[in-house]
Amino acid sequence: METRSKGLTAAVIAAAGKGTRMELEINKQYVEILGVPMLAMTIDKFEKCSLIDEIIVVANKDEVDYCKRNVIARFGFTKVTSVTEGGESRQRSVYNGLKQVSSECDIVLIHDGARPFVSTESIMECTKAARLYGAACAAVPAKDTIKESDAEGFVRKTLDRSSLWQIQTPQAFDYRLIMDVHDRAVRDMSEATDDAMLVERYGCRVKLVMGSYSNIKVTTREDLIFAEALSRRQNGSP
């Protein structure tokens, strides 16, 4: 397939979730890891990537001003062009963010605000793959044996691990393609667990790009312990 024309590249960072599984008073996106809010760590990876031209942050509607003051302004992010309100689901939140992308962009990356350890390499490789194939997502091969259960909780079968991948973000898309499938999903009242699934549902192939096992999504209190250890290692701290 021929490489698509090279326009600007945007990143939509989904940070509107409540993080109820952590049972914290503060949204998990703003929990500090070694003194830096998780969301700021995430934005910083895209801010410093030379391929990214603009960043749209999707925040909880009650936290837009907080995000602007305590993350965007505090850390001086210059590529953030909009902090917009999230919707009633992750999919609707991403859709709100996509509508803020400038008309000059032809590739958009969608990333979870709670994945602060994404690598520059993953961002760049997903962008390149999206230019070639229209849709791509970071993923890592499954390391554990995966079994499928029946309705009663018994093993139905063991799946072939060699063809199984754990899907991560970023997920990168031709902007017209991802807007089209989100528009269609709104009309069809269809929901998907991630944007790659939405693209697949409407008949498009998604290229897998090798991610990293350190690109964890911080979801539980236990994840915070691991995240702090990863941050210390990356910063060379004892």
Protein backbone atom coordinates (compact mmCIF):
# COMPACT_ATOMS: atom_id res chain seq x y z
CA MET A 1 0.00 0.00 0.00
CA GLU A 2 1.26 3.48 -0.83
CA THR A 3 2.18 5.88 1.93
CA ARG A 4 -0.54 8.50 2.52
CA SER A 5 0.13 12.19 2.13
CA LYS A 6 1.98 13.71 5.07
CA GLY A 7 -0.01 16.37 6.88
CA LEU A 8 -0.04 17.33 10.55
CA THR A 9 -0.36 14.78 13.35
CA ALA A 10 -2.57 15.22 16.40
CA ALA A 11 -2.86 13.32 19.67
CA VAL A 12 -6.09 12.97 21.63
CA ILE A 13 -5.42 12.03 25.26
CA ALA A 14 -8.42 10.53 27.03
CA ALA A 15 -8.37 11.63 30.67
CA ALA A 16 -12.05 11.90 31.56
CA GLY A 17 -12.40 8.67 33.55
CA LYS A 18 -13.07 8.68 37.28
CA GLY A 19 -10.78 5.78 38.23
CA THR A 20 -13.27 4.39 40.74
CA ARG A 21 -11.30 1.17 41.17
CA MET A 22 -8.60 3.11 43.03
CA GLU A 23 -11.13 4.47 45.55
CA LEU A 24 -9.31 7.80 45.75
CA GLU A 25 -10.76 11.26 46.36
CA ILE A 26 -8.79 12.62 43.41
CA ASN A 27 -9.15 11.44 39.80
CA LYS A 28 -6.35 8.95 39.13
CA GLN A 29 -5.12 11.08 36.19
CA TYR A 30 -3.94 13.68 38.72
CA VAL A 31 -2.29 11.32 41.19
CA GLU A 32 1.37 12.29 41.44
CA ILE A 33 4.15 9.82 40.73
CA LEU A 34 7.39 11.11 42.25
CA GLY A 35 5.88 14.59 42.38
CA VAL A 36 4.45 14.73 38.84
CA PRO A 37 0.77 14.17 38.00
CA MET A 38 0.26 11.04 35.93
CA LEU A 39 -1.49 13.02 33.20
CA ALA A 40 1.41 15.47 32.97
CA MET A 41 3.82 12.55 32.52
CA THR A 42 1.64 11.24 29.69
CA ILE A 43 1.26 14.58 27.91
CA ASP A 44 5.00 15.18 28.20
CA LYS A 45 5.77 12.11 26.04
CA PHE A 46 3.69 13.54 23.18
CA GLU A 47 4.88 17.12 23.78
CA LYS A 48 8.48 16.00 23.27
CA CYS A 49 7.81 13.81 20.23
CA SER A 50 8.83 15.61 17.04
CA LEU A 51 6.06 13.96 14.99
CA ILE A 52 3.24 15.40 17.14
CA ASP A 53 1.97 18.81 16.10
CA GLU A 54 -1.00 19.30 18.45
CA ILE A 55 -2.48 17.70 21.55
CA ILE A 56 -6.11 17.64 22.64
CA VAL A 57 -6.80 16.61 26.23
CA VAL A 58 -10.24 15.27 27.13
CA ALA A 59 -11.00 15.85 30.81
CA ASN A 60 -13.98 15.22 33.05
CA LYS A 61 -16.40 18.12 32.63
CA ASP A 62 -15.93 19.11 36.28
CA GLU A 63 -12.13 19.09 35.97
CA VAL A 64 -11.44 21.07 32.79
CA ASP A 65 -10.31 24.19 34.66
CA TYR A 66 -8.33 22.11 37.16
CA CYS A 67 -6.56 20.36 34.29
CA LYS A 68 -5.74 23.65 32.60
CA ARG A 69 -4.29 25.18 35.77
CA ASN A 70 -2.60 22.24 37.47
CA VAL A 71 -1.32 20.32 34.46
CA ILE A 72 -1.20 22.38 31.24
CA ALA A 73 -0.18 25.75 32.72
CA ARG A 74 1.92 24.32 35.55
CA PHE A 75 4.14 22.33 33.18
CA GLY A 76 4.06 24.79 30.30
CA PHE A 77 2.81 22.45 27.60
CA THR A 78 2.79 24.38 24.32
CA LYS A 79 1.33 21.75 21.96
CA VAL A 80 -1.95 21.44 23.88
CA THR A 81 -4.48 23.35 21.77
CA SER A 82 -7.63 22.32 23.63
CA VAL A 83 -8.84 20.83 26.91
CA THR A 84 -12.36 19.66 26.18
CA GLU A 85 -15.14 17.99 28.17
CA GLY A 86 -15.58 14.24 28.17
CA GLY A 87 -18.83 12.40 27.52
CA GLU A 88 -20.80 9.70 29.28
CA SER A 89 -18.43 6.96 28.04
CA ARG A 90 -14.82 6.69 26.91
CA GLN A 91 -15.98 6.40 23.31
CA ARG A 92 -18.04 9.59 23.53
CA SER A 93 -15.14 11.35 25.27
CA VAL A 94 -12.76 10.42 22.46
CA TYR A 95 -15.34 11.58 19.93
CA ASN A 96 -15.49 14.97 21.67
CA GLY A 97 -11.71 15.17 21.45
CA LEU A 98 -11.61 14.19 17.78
CA LYS A 99 -13.96 17.04 16.96
CA GLN A 100 -11.36 19.48 18.35
CA VAL A 101 -8.60 18.29 16.00
CA SER A 102 -7.58 20.95 13.48
CA SER A 103 -8.53 20.53 9.83
CA GLU A 104 -4.85 20.43 8.81
CA CYS A 105 -4.27 17.11 10.60
CA ASP A 106 -4.48 13.86 8.68
CA ILE A 107 -3.23 11.42 11.33
CA VAL A 108 -4.55 11.29 14.89
CA LEU A 109 -3.29 9.19 17.79
CA ILE A 110 -5.60 8.28 20.66
CA HIS A 111 -3.98 7.51 24.00
CA ASP A 112 -5.05 6.78 27.57
CA GLY A 113 -4.09 9.48 30.04
CA ALA A 114 -3.34 6.73 32.56
CA ARG A 115 -0.53 5.24 30.41
CA PRO A 116 2.34 7.56 31.38
CA PHE A 117 5.14 5.20 30.30
CA VAL A 118 4.44 5.18 26.59
CA SER A 119 7.67 5.37 24.62
CA THR A 120 8.56 7.83 21.89
CA GLU A 121 9.29 4.83 19.70
CA SER A 122 5.72 3.52 20.08
CA ILE A 123 4.29 6.94 19.24
CA MET A 124 6.45 7.21 16.13
CA GLU A 125 5.93 3.63 14.93
CA CYS A 126 2.15 3.84 15.33
CA THR A 127 2.13 7.12 13.41
CA LYS A 128 4.16 5.63 10.58
CA ALA A 129 1.95 2.53 10.43
CA ALA A 130 -1.21 4.64 10.32
CA ARG A 131 0.18 6.56 7.35
CA LEU A 132 0.77 3.25 5.56
CA TYR A 133 -2.33 1.29 6.55
CA GLY A 134 -4.89 3.80 7.83
CA ALA A 135 -5.15 2.22 11.29
CA ALA A 136 -2.61 0.87 13.77
CA CYS A 137 -2.29 0.15 17.48
CA ALA A 138 0.45 -0.66 19.94
CA ALA A 139 0.30 -4.19 21.34
CA VAL A 140 2.44 -6.84 23.00
CA PRO A 141 2.28 -10.63 22.63
CA ALA A 142 0.35 -12.35 25.43
CA LYS A 143 2.74 -13.96 27.91
CA ASP A 144 0.16 -15.90 29.93
CA THR A 145 -1.88 -18.89 28.84
CA ILE A 146 -5.38 -17.67 27.96
CA LYS A 147 -8.42 -19.87 28.49
CA GLU A 148 -12.00 -19.31 27.35
CA SER A 149 -14.71 -20.13 29.88
CA ASP A 150 -18.31 -21.23 29.55
CA ALA A 151 -21.27 -19.59 31.31
CA GLU A 152 -20.70 -21.72 34.41
CA GLY A 153 -17.08 -20.74 34.85
CA PHE A 154 -15.48 -23.92 33.49
CA VAL A 155 -12.77 -23.94 30.84
CA ARG A 156 -14.25 -24.30 27.37
CA LYS A 157 -10.93 -24.26 25.53
CA THR A 158 -7.36 -23.03 25.69
CA LEU A 159 -6.56 -20.43 23.07
CA ASP A 160 -3.43 -20.49 20.93
CA ARG A 161 -1.20 -17.96 22.69
CA SER A 162 1.06 -17.52 19.64
CA SER A 163 -1.62 -15.45 17.89
CA LEU A 164 -2.86 -13.46 20.92
CA TRP A 165 -1.86 -9.87 21.61
CA GLN A 166 -2.59 -7.51 24.52
CA ILE A 167 -3.79 -4.24 23.05
CA GLN A 168 -2.45 -0.94 24.33
CA THR A 169 -2.51 2.69 23.28
CA PRO A 170 -1.52 4.73 21.37
CA GLN A 171 -3.83 3.77 18.56
CA ALA A 172 -3.30 5.77 15.39
CA PHE A 173 -5.66 6.42 12.51
CA ASP A 174 -6.24 8.36 9.34
CA TYR A 175 -8.29 11.25 10.72
CA ARG A 176 -11.07 10.98 8.15
CA LEU A 177 -11.37 7.26 8.80
CA ILE A 178 -11.66 7.49 12.59
CA MET A 179 -14.09 10.42 12.40
CA ASP A 180 -16.23 8.48 9.94
CA VAL A 181 -16.48 5.38 12.16
CA HIS A 182 -17.21 7.50 15.24
CA ASP A 183 -19.94 9.35 13.34
CA ARG A 184 -21.42 6.02 12.27
CA ALA A 185 -21.22 4.65 15.81
CA VAL A 186 -23.20 7.63 17.11
CA ARG A 187 -25.88 7.07 14.48
CA ASP A 188 -25.95 3.31 15.16
CA MET A 189 -25.80 3.81 18.96
CA SER A 190 -22.88 1.37 18.93
CA GLU A 191 -20.22 1.14 21.65
CA ALA A 192 -16.77 -0.49 21.55
CA THR A 193 -14.11 -1.04 24.20
CA ASP A 194 -11.46 0.80 22.18
CA ASP A 195 -11.11 2.71 18.94
CA ALA A 196 -9.40 -0.13 17.10
CA MET A 197 -12.43 -2.32 17.78
CA LEU A 198 -14.67 0.39 16.37
CA VAL A 199 -12.62 0.53 13.17
CA GLU A 200 -12.66 -3.29 12.92
CA ARG A 201 -16.43 -3.34 13.36
CA TYR A 202 -16.86 -1.24 10.24
CA GLY A 203 -14.66 -3.45 8.11
CA CYS A 204 -11.19 -1.88 8.36
CA ARG A 205 -7.99 -3.75 9.13
CA VAL A 206 -5.78 -2.59 12.01
CA LYS A 207 -2.00 -3.06 11.90
CA LEU A 208 -0.40 -4.28 15.13
CA VAL A 209 2.73 -2.39 16.20
CA MET A 210 5.05 -3.85 18.82
CA GLY A 211 4.58 -1.92 22.05
CA SER A 212 6.28 -2.33 25.41
CA TYR A 213 5.41 -4.32 28.53
CA SER A 214 6.28 -1.23 30.58
CA ASN A 215 3.48 0.72 28.86
CA ILE A 216 1.10 -0.15 31.68
CA LYS A 217 -2.32 1.37 32.27
CA VAL A 218 -2.46 2.54 35.88
CA THR A 219 -5.82 1.28 37.11
CA THR A 220 -5.40 -0.01 40.69
CA ARG A 221 -3.48 0.99 43.80
CA GLU A 222 -1.09 -1.89 43.10
CA ASP A 223 -0.38 -0.38 39.69
CA LEU A 224 0.73 2.82 41.42
CA ILE A 225 3.48 0.90 43.25
CA PHE A 226 4.70 -0.54 39.95
CA ALA A 227 4.41 2.89 38.29
CA GLU A 228 6.57 4.51 40.96
CA ALA A 229 9.21 1.80 40.51
CA LEU A 230 9.16 2.29 36.72
CA SER A 231 9.47 6.03 37.13
CA ARG A 232 12.45 5.68 39.45
CA ARG A 233 14.15 3.34 37.00
CA GLN A 234 13.56 5.63 34.02
CA ASN A 235 14.79 8.66 35.97
CA GLY A 236 17.81 6.80 37.33
CA SER A 237 16.60 7.34 40.91
CA PRO A 238 17.52 4.89 43.70
